[in-house]
Amino acid sequence: MTFATTHSSPRTDADDFSITSSLSVPSSPISVMSAHRVHNKFYINDELTVFLVNNEVLFKVHRHALDRESEIFRAFPTGTDESPVPLDDVNENEFVTLLEYFYDRVHGDTPRSHEEWSSLLSISFRFKFEKIRDRAIKELTAMNIDPVDRVVLAVKYDVSDWLCPAYVDLCIRSEPLREDEAHKLELSTTVKLACARERLRANPQSQSGSSQLVTYDNFGFSQAPSAPAYNKDLAKSIIVEIFKIGGAAGAEVVVAWGEKKKGKKGRVAVVPADVEISA
């Protein structure tokens, strides 16, 4: 019996190539896009842009989050090392805090200090990051910030809800305004606060729960009477009247100086509502 032997030739690289080349492989990204639906949220055309902060430091970062949150950043061109996008009114710390908020918060690492949230409030106010501004206001509201600093931040960044409570705190506290605190506030604000404090203390119903009794410590030494606790509701009514809060005629309004009145960009001024402001 004779057996026929079949010899197969060895495979070559050319054979492998002919097999793979016969598969259906798109020739370009355009053919892929034409065949598939693009997700309306997570198909991101991102690019790196170079920003020059305060004419000192270059940053090269993704644009997607910045453009998504701010209409001002969406209008910026693509920056390069040779032609970066200038951010003259931003300091390095503010921009770093903003970028850390975008890049690190996925792991729960958000700003923790009063200074960091204040930096976010500052840059979000000027570049219209509305969601970040709301978050910064929420976080700062929950913090025990000094009332003078609250007034300064409220006037500078248009957080009107902070003004009345801060004025009330300054009105009912036992210590008058210090010189360094007065320098932080507008002259008119300092005068009105002094007037409110005087009216509150002159009202016979202003004190609630104050103690004028002499007490003694464990060693038998007398202690000074506790400071009087002033009626907070009465203080609020005085503040509302003096500062004309709540839409009363002649109420003060916060005006972004750089938008409605010529002057240093980014400044905020408190002006009477009956004063005409020229563009």
Protein backbone atom coordinates (compact mmCIF):
# COMPACT_ATOMS: atom_id res chain seq x y z
CA MET A 1 0.00 0.00 0.00
CA THR A 2 1.34 3.32 -0.98
CA PHE A 3 0.75 6.43 1.10
CA ALA A 4 0.79 9.90 -0.43
CA THR A 5 2.66 12.44 1.66
CA THR A 6 1.59 16.08 1.56
CA HIS A 7 4.24 18.68 2.29
CA SER A 8 3.07 22.15 3.41
CA SER A 9 5.32 25.10 2.77
CA PRO A 10 6.41 27.14 5.86
CA ARG A 11 4.42 30.30 6.72
CA THR A 12 6.01 33.58 5.94
CA ASP A 13 5.55 37.17 7.21
CA ALA A 14 3.88 37.94 3.91
CA ASP A 15 1.17 35.38 4.67
CA ASP A 16 0.50 36.98 8.08
CA PHE A 17 0.29 40.36 6.46
CA SER A 18 -2.18 39.14 3.87
CA ILE A 19 -4.41 37.77 6.63
CA THR A 20 -4.45 40.91 8.75
CA SER A 21 -4.77 43.20 5.80
CA SER A 22 -7.94 41.42 4.76
CA LEU A 23 -9.70 42.54 7.98
CA SER A 24 -12.01 45.53 7.83
CA VAL A 25 -9.94 48.36 9.40
CA PRO A 26 -11.16 51.96 9.13
CA SER A 27 -8.83 54.03 7.07
CA SER A 28 -9.34 57.26 9.00
CA PRO A 29 -11.10 58.71 12.08
CA ILE A 30 -13.63 60.33 9.77
CA SER A 31 -15.00 56.93 8.70
CA VAL A 32 -15.35 55.95 12.40
CA MET A 33 -17.32 59.11 13.22
CA SER A 34 -19.59 58.62 10.23
CA ALA A 35 -20.44 55.10 11.37
CA HIS A 36 -21.01 55.76 15.08
CA ARG A 37 -22.94 58.16 17.25
CA VAL A 38 -20.94 60.77 19.19
CA HIS A 39 -21.83 61.00 22.88
CA ASN A 40 -23.27 64.44 23.64
CA LYS A 41 -21.38 64.83 26.94
CA PHE A 42 -18.27 62.67 26.98
CA TYR A 43 -16.86 63.13 23.52
CA ILE A 44 -14.35 65.77 24.54
CA ASN A 45 -12.28 67.79 22.13
CA ASP A 46 -9.65 68.83 24.63
CA GLU A 47 -6.38 70.60 24.06
CA LEU A 48 -3.59 72.05 26.12
CA THR A 49 -3.33 75.82 26.36
CA VAL A 50 -0.55 77.92 27.78
CA PHE A 51 -1.50 80.76 30.12
CA LEU A 52 0.82 83.51 31.34
CA VAL A 53 -0.23 84.48 34.86
CA ASN A 54 0.58 87.98 36.09
CA ASN A 55 3.27 88.27 33.39
CA GLU A 56 5.48 85.92 35.45
CA VAL A 57 4.54 82.22 35.35
CA LEU A 58 3.55 79.95 32.47
CA PHE A 59 0.87 77.27 32.99
CA LYS A 60 0.09 74.55 30.43
CA VAL A 61 -3.27 72.93 31.23
CA HIS A 62 -6.32 71.31 29.66
CA ARG A 63 -9.02 73.67 28.48
CA HIS A 64 -12.10 71.50 28.84
CA ALA A 65 -13.04 72.26 32.46
CA LEU A 66 -12.11 75.93 32.18
CA ASP A 67 -14.15 76.41 29.00
CA ARG A 68 -17.10 74.44 30.37
CA GLU A 69 -17.40 76.55 33.52
CA SER A 70 -16.55 80.02 32.22
CA GLU A 71 -17.80 81.91 29.18
CA ILE A 72 -14.79 84.20 29.51
CA PHE A 73 -12.32 81.32 29.18
CA ARG A 74 -14.29 79.96 26.22
CA ALA A 75 -13.51 83.18 24.37
CA PHE A 76 -9.76 82.85 24.89
CA PRO A 77 -7.62 81.71 21.94
CA THR A 78 -5.34 78.68 22.14
CA GLY A 79 -2.17 79.71 23.91
CA THR A 80 1.29 78.43 23.05
CA ASP A 81 4.73 78.82 24.60
CA GLU A 82 5.49 81.47 22.00
CA SER A 83 2.12 83.21 22.38
CA PRO A 84 0.53 82.43 25.77
CA VAL A 85 -2.88 83.72 26.87
CA PRO A 86 -2.19 86.53 29.37
CA LEU A 87 -4.02 86.53 32.71
CA ASP A 88 -2.83 89.86 34.08
CA ASP A 89 -5.36 90.26 36.90
CA VAL A 90 -4.75 86.82 38.42
CA ASN A 91 -2.04 85.99 40.92
CA GLU A 92 -0.25 82.66 40.91
CA ASN A 93 -1.88 81.38 44.11
CA GLU A 94 -5.40 82.06 42.79
CA PHE A 95 -4.80 80.16 39.55
CA VAL A 96 -3.11 77.24 41.33
CA THR A 97 -6.09 76.99 43.71
CA LEU A 98 -8.50 76.99 40.76
CA LEU A 99 -6.57 74.27 38.91
CA GLU A 100 -6.26 72.14 42.04
CA TYR A 101 -10.02 72.41 42.47
CA PHE A 102 -10.54 71.00 38.96
CA TYR A 103 -7.77 68.39 38.96
CA ASP A 104 -7.87 67.13 42.56
CA ARG A 105 -11.51 67.21 43.64
CA VAL A 106 -12.18 63.85 41.96
CA HIS A 107 -10.39 62.35 44.98
CA GLY A 108 -12.23 64.58 47.43
CA ASP A 109 -9.31 66.97 47.82
CA THR A 110 -11.02 70.35 47.95
CA PRO A 111 -9.79 73.58 49.52
CA ARG A 112 -10.02 73.56 53.30
CA SER A 113 -8.83 76.93 54.52
CA HIS A 114 -10.50 80.32 54.55
CA GLU A 115 -7.67 81.68 52.37
CA GLU A 116 -8.10 79.01 49.68
CA TRP A 117 -11.87 79.44 49.43
CA SER A 118 -11.39 83.22 49.36
CA SER A 119 -8.99 82.80 46.42
CA LEU A 120 -11.59 80.69 44.62
CA LEU A 121 -14.28 83.27 45.35
CA SER A 122 -12.04 85.98 43.93
CA ILE A 123 -11.15 84.30 40.63
CA SER A 124 -14.62 82.79 40.13
CA PHE A 125 -16.22 86.23 40.58
CA ARG A 126 -13.97 87.90 38.01
CA PHE A 127 -14.09 85.14 35.39
CA LYS A 128 -17.73 84.11 35.94
CA PHE A 129 -17.25 80.57 37.21
CA GLU A 130 -20.78 80.62 38.62
CA LYS A 131 -20.86 77.11 40.10
CA ILE A 132 -17.47 77.54 41.77
CA ARG A 133 -18.54 80.93 43.13
CA ASP A 134 -21.66 79.37 44.66
CA ARG A 135 -19.58 76.59 46.22
CA ALA A 136 -17.05 79.07 47.64
CA ILE A 137 -19.86 81.19 49.13
CA LYS A 138 -21.40 78.08 50.71
CA GLU A 139 -18.10 76.95 52.24
CA LEU A 140 -17.15 80.41 53.52
CA THR A 141 -20.63 80.94 54.97
CA ALA A 142 -20.16 77.81 57.08
CA MET A 143 -16.83 79.09 58.42
CA ASN A 144 -16.51 81.37 61.42
CA ILE A 145 -15.01 84.29 59.51
CA ASP A 146 -14.27 87.55 61.25
CA PRO A 147 -17.19 89.94 60.59
CA VAL A 148 -14.91 92.68 59.23
CA ASP A 149 -13.44 90.24 56.71
CA ARG A 150 -16.97 89.13 55.82
CA VAL A 151 -17.94 92.73 55.03
CA VAL A 152 -14.81 93.23 52.93
CA LEU A 153 -15.42 90.01 50.94
CA ALA A 154 -19.14 90.72 50.57
CA VAL A 155 -18.58 94.18 49.12
CA LYS A 156 -15.68 93.14 46.89
CA TYR A 157 -17.34 90.03 45.45
CA ASP A 158 -21.02 91.02 45.62
CA VAL A 159 -22.23 88.62 48.33
CA SER A 160 -25.04 90.77 49.69
CA ASP A 161 -26.39 88.06 52.03
CA TRP A 162 -23.29 88.41 54.21
CA LEU A 163 -23.61 92.13 54.88
CA CYS A 164 -26.47 92.39 57.36
CA PRO A 165 -25.35 89.50 59.63
CA ALA A 166 -21.78 90.84 59.67
CA TYR A 167 -22.98 94.37 60.51
CA VAL A 168 -25.11 92.96 63.34
CA ASP A 169 -22.13 91.03 64.76
CA LEU A 170 -20.04 94.19 64.75
CA CYS A 171 -22.87 96.15 66.32
CA ILE A 172 -23.48 93.82 69.29
CA ARG A 173 -19.90 92.88 70.12
CA SER A 174 -18.46 94.55 73.21
CA GLU A 175 -15.30 95.92 71.55
CA PRO A 176 -15.55 98.91 69.19
CA LEU A 177 -13.86 98.85 65.80
CA ARG A 178 -10.09 98.87 65.99
CA GLU A 179 -8.05 101.21 63.83
CA ASP A 180 -6.79 98.40 61.59
CA GLU A 181 -10.37 97.19 61.08
CA ALA A 182 -11.58 100.67 60.20
CA HIS A 183 -8.88 100.88 57.50
CA LYS A 184 -10.35 97.77 55.83
CA LEU A 185 -13.83 99.28 55.61
CA GLU A 186 -15.23 102.23 53.71
CA LEU A 187 -15.37 105.44 55.74
CA SER A 188 -19.16 105.58 55.37
CA THR A 189 -19.45 102.00 56.66
CA THR A 190 -17.32 102.80 59.72
CA VAL A 191 -19.41 105.87 60.54
CA LYS A 192 -22.70 104.00 60.15
CA LEU A 193 -21.49 101.13 62.34
CA ALA A 194 -20.50 103.61 65.07
CA CYS A 195 -23.94 105.21 64.82
CA ALA A 196 -25.66 101.80 65.03
CA ARG A 197 -23.63 100.80 68.09
CA GLU A 198 -24.47 104.08 69.82
CA ARG A 199 -28.20 103.78 69.12
CA LEU A 200 -28.27 100.18 70.31
CA ARG A 201 -26.61 100.99 73.61
CA ALA A 202 -28.83 104.01 74.19
CA ASN A 203 -31.99 101.89 73.88
CA PRO A 204 -33.18 100.69 77.32
CA GLN A 205 -34.43 97.44 75.76
CA SER A 206 -31.15 96.66 74.03
CA GLN A 207 -29.68 94.38 76.69
CA SER A 208 -30.94 90.81 77.01
CA GLY A 209 -29.61 88.43 79.63
CA SER A 210 -26.75 90.66 80.75
CA SER A 211 -25.29 90.07 84.16
CA GLN A 212 -24.24 92.89 86.44
CA LEU A 213 -23.75 90.65 89.49
CA VAL A 214 -20.28 90.30 90.97
CA THR A 215 -19.15 86.67 90.92
CA TYR A 216 -16.24 84.94 92.66
CA ASP A 217 -13.82 82.31 91.45
CA ASN A 218 -12.78 79.16 93.33
CA PHE A 219 -10.19 81.11 95.31
CA GLY A 220 -12.63 83.77 96.53
CA PHE A 221 -11.42 86.54 94.20
CA SER A 222 -14.11 88.74 92.67
CA GLN A 223 -14.60 88.68 88.92
CA ALA A 224 -15.76 91.50 86.68
CA PRO A 225 -19.38 91.31 85.50
CA SER A 226 -19.83 89.63 82.14
CA ALA A 227 -20.20 91.88 79.12
CA PRO A 228 -23.83 92.76 78.39
CA ALA A 229 -25.55 90.64 75.76
CA TYR A 230 -27.36 92.92 73.36
CA ASN A 231 -30.65 92.12 71.71
CA LYS A 232 -29.78 90.77 68.27
CA ASP A 233 -33.21 91.44 66.76
CA LEU A 234 -33.10 95.06 67.88
CA ALA A 235 -29.59 95.40 66.50
CA LYS A 236 -30.76 94.00 63.17
CA SER A 237 -33.62 96.49 62.93
CA ILE A 238 -31.20 99.34 63.60
CA ILE A 239 -28.75 98.04 61.00
CA VAL A 240 -31.50 97.65 58.39
CA GLU A 241 -32.62 101.23 58.99
CA ILE A 242 -29.18 102.84 59.01
CA PHE A 243 -27.78 100.90 56.05
CA LYS A 244 -31.14 100.90 54.25
CA ILE A 245 -30.99 97.18 53.55
CA GLY A 246 -33.84 95.44 51.77
CA GLY A 247 -34.67 97.63 48.79
CA ALA A 248 -35.63 100.78 50.71
CA ALA A 249 -35.42 104.11 48.92
CA GLY A 250 -31.84 105.30 48.75
CA ALA A 251 -30.47 101.85 49.58
CA GLU A 252 -26.84 101.20 48.87
CA VAL A 253 -26.00 98.97 45.95
CA VAL A 254 -22.80 97.16 45.04
CA VAL A 255 -21.39 98.18 41.68
CA ALA A 256 -18.61 96.38 39.82
CA TRP A 257 -16.24 99.28 39.21
CA GLY A 258 -14.68 97.81 36.09
CA GLU A 259 -18.06 97.32 34.41
CA LYS A 260 -20.10 100.44 35.10
CA LYS A 261 -17.61 103.09 36.06
CA LYS A 262 -14.19 103.82 34.69
CA GLY A 263 -11.45 102.96 37.13
CA LYS A 264 -9.16 100.18 38.17
CA LYS A 265 -10.41 96.89 36.76
CA GLY A 266 -11.83 94.53 39.32
CA ARG A 267 -12.50 97.15 41.99
CA VAL A 268 -15.89 97.26 43.67
CA ALA A 269 -17.43 100.37 45.16
CA VAL A 270 -20.48 100.95 47.35
CA VAL A 271 -22.40 103.97 46.18
CA PRO A 272 -25.82 105.41 47.06
CA ALA A 273 -28.58 104.25 44.73
CA ASP A 274 -29.68 107.79 43.98
CA VAL A 275 -26.25 108.74 42.57
CA GLU A 276 -26.16 108.55 38.80
CA ILE A 277 -23.35 106.37 37.46
CA SER A 278 -22.03 107.20 34.05
CA ALA A 279 -20.65 104.45 31.83
